[in-house]
Amino acid sequence: MKKTLFLFFISYIVMGFQTDQVESNTWTLKKNQNGVSVYSRDAENSRFKELKSVTTYKSSLSSLIALIDDFESYPQWVYKCAVSTTIKKNSEKDLIHYQSVIAPWPVDNRDFVVHVQLQQDPVTKVIIQNVSCIPDYIPRVKGHVRITEFKARWTLIPLKDGYVEANYELLVNPGGNVPAWIVNLAAVDGPYETAINMKKMLMKEKYQKAVVLFVKEPL
């Protein structure tokens, strides 16, 4: 009897732990406005929330990739982006990218260096672009705090009638002495503003007429 109760107690603890794990990995809707949904969830081994924006665009895949890969345009539409440039281009789908981010006074601006890699499923035509942090790729820049924890992912999913669902996931530790709770409180604004600005940028003729040779459109 005691052994049965002990096993039941252990099973209860394990099941409870697993439930907590599942709940902590569930996306929670934080904002749903103007066709943009922004979610957050607890991130493993981080005090900072992981974020996700979901937006549907009337667009070709080529148009979206033409804009996403136009890194020099980022200061025009990516939230708080001050400088954006390609450091090294290994191929059309593989490059090293640098970006600096404007921080509110008196906090120092941030910057980061990332490895960007793109792939497309030949059957579903879904495009995934993974972004991983490589903080020591170039020397530190004066007046900036180098971000050492950064990961992001674009997922572009073709829908019917010429629409594409764009999911953007982001986890970033801004470094320095900024409390995590302050960052988490204001974090929703970034993905939301970026998605809204992206809609406007996509209307430009250079993106509307863009044809990216390595991107295959759905039939």
Protein backbone atom coordinates (compact mmCIF):
# COMPACT_ATOMS: atom_id res chain seq x y z
CA MET A 1 0.00 0.00 0.00
CA LYS A 2 2.76 2.42 0.97
CA LYS A 3 4.65 1.56 -2.21
CA THR A 4 1.51 2.26 -4.30
CA LEU A 5 0.98 5.63 -2.61
CA PHE A 6 4.65 6.50 -3.12
CA LEU A 7 4.48 5.67 -6.83
CA PHE A 8 1.27 7.68 -7.16
CA PHE A 9 2.93 10.66 -5.43
CA ILE A 10 5.96 10.49 -7.74
CA SER A 11 3.72 10.21 -10.80
CA TYR A 12 1.71 13.21 -9.61
CA ILE A 13 4.85 15.33 -9.25
CA VAL A 14 6.18 14.28 -12.66
CA MET A 15 2.86 14.91 -14.38
CA GLY A 16 2.55 18.28 -12.68
CA PHE A 17 6.05 19.22 -13.81
CA GLN A 18 5.25 18.20 -17.37
CA THR A 19 2.04 20.23 -17.29
CA ASP A 20 3.93 23.30 -16.11
CA GLN A 21 6.41 22.79 -18.92
CA VAL A 22 3.63 22.63 -21.49
CA GLU A 23 1.88 25.71 -20.09
CA SER A 24 5.10 27.71 -19.96
CA ASN A 25 5.68 26.96 -23.66
CA THR A 26 2.21 28.10 -24.72
CA TRP A 27 1.93 31.33 -26.68
CA THR A 28 -0.25 33.99 -25.03
CA LEU A 29 -1.93 36.64 -27.17
CA LYS A 30 -0.79 40.11 -26.07
CA LYS A 31 -2.07 42.31 -28.89
CA ASN A 32 -4.44 41.84 -31.82
CA GLN A 33 -4.89 45.00 -33.85
CA ASN A 34 -4.88 46.12 -37.51
CA GLY A 35 -4.39 42.55 -38.72
CA VAL A 36 -1.34 41.94 -36.54
CA SER A 37 -1.33 39.45 -33.68
CA VAL A 38 1.54 39.51 -31.19
CA TYR A 39 2.16 36.68 -28.73
CA SER A 40 4.65 36.02 -25.94
CA ARG A 41 5.73 33.03 -23.91
CA ASP A 42 8.34 32.07 -21.34
CA ALA A 43 11.62 31.10 -22.93
CA GLU A 44 13.76 28.22 -21.74
CA ASN A 45 16.82 29.34 -19.74
CA SER A 46 16.03 33.03 -20.17
CA ARG A 47 14.47 35.79 -18.05
CA PHE A 48 13.22 37.43 -21.24
CA LYS A 49 10.00 36.58 -23.05
CA GLU A 50 10.02 35.01 -26.47
CA LEU A 51 7.86 36.97 -28.92
CA LYS A 52 5.93 36.09 -32.06
CA SER A 53 4.02 38.23 -34.54
CA VAL A 54 1.56 36.75 -37.03
CA THR A 55 0.41 38.79 -40.02
CA THR A 56 -1.25 37.90 -43.33
CA TYR A 57 -0.14 39.82 -46.41
CA LYS A 58 -1.53 39.97 -49.94
CA SER A 59 1.87 39.31 -51.49
CA SER A 60 4.05 36.91 -53.39
CA LEU A 61 6.83 35.09 -51.56
CA SER A 62 9.35 36.92 -53.73
CA SER A 63 8.04 40.32 -52.63
CA LEU A 64 8.32 39.41 -48.97
CA ILE A 65 11.81 37.95 -49.31
CA ALA A 66 12.93 40.92 -51.41
CA LEU A 67 11.96 43.19 -48.51
CA ILE A 68 13.21 40.95 -45.69
CA ASP A 69 16.56 40.53 -47.44
CA ASP A 70 16.88 44.25 -48.22
CA PHE A 71 18.85 44.82 -45.03
CA GLU A 72 19.87 48.36 -45.95
CA SER A 73 16.16 49.33 -45.83
CA TYR A 74 15.69 48.19 -42.22
CA PRO A 75 16.07 51.66 -40.66
CA GLN A 76 12.95 52.65 -42.63
CA TRP A 77 10.66 49.98 -41.17
CA VAL A 78 12.24 47.77 -38.50
CA TYR A 79 11.48 49.02 -35.00
CA LYS A 80 14.25 51.22 -33.53
CA CYS A 81 16.78 50.13 -36.17
CA ALA A 82 19.52 52.73 -36.64
CA VAL A 83 22.05 50.92 -38.86
CA SER A 84 21.68 47.74 -40.87
CA THR A 85 24.22 46.25 -43.23
CA THR A 86 25.49 43.01 -44.73
CA ILE A 87 28.99 42.16 -43.54
CA LYS A 88 29.52 39.06 -45.66
CA LYS A 89 27.46 37.26 -48.28
CA ASN A 90 28.26 33.56 -48.45
CA SER A 91 25.43 32.94 -50.92
CA GLU A 92 21.98 34.26 -51.76
CA LYS A 93 20.62 32.23 -48.85
CA ASP A 94 23.48 32.59 -46.36
CA LEU A 95 24.99 35.81 -45.02
CA ILE A 96 26.35 37.70 -42.01
CA HIS A 97 24.36 40.73 -40.90
CA TYR A 98 25.05 43.65 -38.54
CA GLN A 99 22.45 45.88 -36.95
CA SER A 100 22.41 48.63 -34.33
CA VAL A 101 19.34 49.43 -32.26
CA ILE A 102 18.34 52.77 -30.76
CA ALA A 103 17.83 52.56 -26.99
CA PRO A 104 16.02 55.20 -24.90
CA TRP A 105 18.27 57.71 -23.10
CA PRO A 106 20.28 57.24 -20.93
CA VAL A 107 20.70 53.58 -21.95
CA ASP A 108 23.45 52.85 -24.49
CA ASN A 109 22.43 51.74 -27.96
CA ARG A 110 22.64 48.01 -28.66
CA ASP A 111 24.05 46.16 -31.64
CA PHE A 112 24.29 42.58 -32.80
CA VAL A 113 25.87 40.37 -35.45
CA VAL A 114 23.91 37.42 -36.78
CA HIS A 115 24.17 34.53 -39.22
CA VAL A 116 21.16 34.47 -41.55
CA GLN A 117 20.21 31.25 -43.37
CA LEU A 118 17.19 30.66 -45.61
CA GLN A 119 15.58 27.46 -46.85
CA GLN A 120 12.39 26.61 -48.74
CA ASP A 121 10.42 23.39 -48.62
CA PRO A 122 10.21 22.11 -52.24
CA VAL A 123 6.72 20.68 -51.70
CA THR A 124 4.85 23.12 -49.42
CA LYS A 125 6.88 26.16 -50.62
CA VAL A 126 7.08 27.31 -46.98
CA ILE A 127 10.13 29.53 -46.44
CA ILE A 128 12.06 29.56 -43.17
CA GLN A 129 14.81 32.05 -42.45
CA ASN A 130 16.77 31.36 -39.28
CA VAL A 131 18.83 34.05 -37.56
CA SER A 132 21.46 33.09 -34.97
CA CYS A 133 23.78 35.27 -32.92
CA ILE A 134 27.55 35.40 -33.54
CA PRO A 135 28.54 38.28 -31.20
CA ASP A 136 32.30 38.00 -31.59
CA TYR A 137 32.38 38.00 -35.38
CA ILE A 138 33.50 41.64 -35.44
CA PRO A 139 35.04 43.88 -32.74
CA ARG A 140 32.79 45.79 -30.36
CA VAL A 141 31.52 49.16 -31.61
CA LYS A 142 32.13 52.22 -29.44
CA GLY A 143 29.02 53.54 -27.70
CA HIS A 144 27.14 50.24 -28.09
CA VAL A 145 26.41 47.25 -25.88
CA ARG A 146 26.91 44.10 -27.95
CA ILE A 147 23.96 41.72 -27.70
CA THR A 148 25.22 38.20 -27.10
CA GLU A 149 21.88 36.35 -26.93
CA PHE A 150 19.70 36.75 -30.00
CA LYS A 151 17.71 34.37 -32.15
CA ALA A 152 14.92 34.94 -34.65
CA ARG A 153 12.99 33.11 -37.32
CA TRP A 154 10.83 34.13 -40.25
CA THR A 155 8.29 31.56 -41.42
CA LEU A 156 6.42 32.43 -44.61
CA ILE A 157 3.43 30.18 -45.32
CA PRO A 158 1.65 30.43 -48.71
CA LEU A 159 -2.14 30.57 -48.40
CA LYS A 160 -4.94 30.62 -50.97
CA ASP A 161 -5.72 33.50 -53.32
CA GLY A 162 -2.26 35.05 -53.23
CA TYR A 163 -1.96 35.56 -49.49
CA VAL A 164 1.02 34.69 -47.30
CA GLU A 165 1.07 34.25 -43.53
CA ALA A 166 4.26 35.71 -42.07
CA ASN A 167 5.32 34.51 -38.62
CA TYR A 168 8.24 36.22 -36.94
CA GLU A 169 9.68 34.75 -33.72
CA LEU A 170 12.24 36.59 -31.62
CA LEU A 171 14.18 36.08 -28.41
CA VAL A 172 16.71 38.71 -27.35
CA ASN A 173 18.58 39.53 -24.19
CA PRO A 174 19.52 43.22 -24.51
CA GLY A 175 22.38 42.88 -22.03
CA GLY A 176 23.56 45.55 -19.62
CA ASN A 177 21.65 46.33 -16.44
CA VAL A 178 18.17 46.71 -17.92
CA PRO A 179 15.70 44.72 -15.73
CA ALA A 180 13.99 41.89 -17.59
CA TRP A 181 10.52 42.91 -16.38
CA ILE A 182 10.86 46.35 -18.00
CA VAL A 183 11.96 44.80 -21.29
CA ASN A 184 9.14 42.24 -21.20
CA LEU A 185 6.59 44.95 -20.44
CA ALA A 186 7.43 46.99 -23.53
CA ALA A 187 8.53 44.16 -25.83
CA VAL A 188 5.23 43.79 -27.69
CA ASP A 189 5.64 47.18 -29.37
CA GLY A 190 8.62 46.09 -31.48
CA PRO A 191 7.06 43.18 -33.41
CA TYR A 192 3.78 45.09 -33.80
CA GLU A 193 5.29 48.29 -35.21
CA THR A 194 7.60 46.30 -37.48
CA ALA A 195 4.68 44.32 -38.94
CA ILE A 196 2.63 47.49 -39.54
CA ASN A 197 5.58 49.21 -41.24
CA MET A 198 6.23 46.08 -43.29
CA LYS A 199 2.72 46.31 -44.77
CA LYS A 200 3.44 49.84 -45.97
CA MET A 201 6.88 48.96 -47.37
CA LEU A 202 5.47 46.03 -49.34
CA MET A 203 3.33 48.46 -51.35
CA LYS A 204 6.42 49.98 -52.94
CA GLU A 205 6.85 49.12 -56.61
CA LYS A 206 10.38 47.71 -56.14
CA TYR A 207 9.00 45.00 -53.87
CA GLN A 208 5.68 44.46 -55.65
CA LYS A 209 7.51 43.66 -58.89
CA ALA A 210 10.41 41.80 -57.30
CA VAL A 211 11.32 38.36 -58.62
CA VAL A 212 13.75 36.45 -56.40
CA LEU A 213 15.24 33.68 -58.53
CA PHE A 214 15.83 31.19 -55.72
CA VAL A 215 12.25 31.53 -54.42
CA LYS A 216 9.66 29.15 -55.86
CA GLU A 217 6.09 30.43 -55.84
CA PRO A 218 3.15 28.07 -55.20
CA LEU A 219 1.21 27.00 -58.30
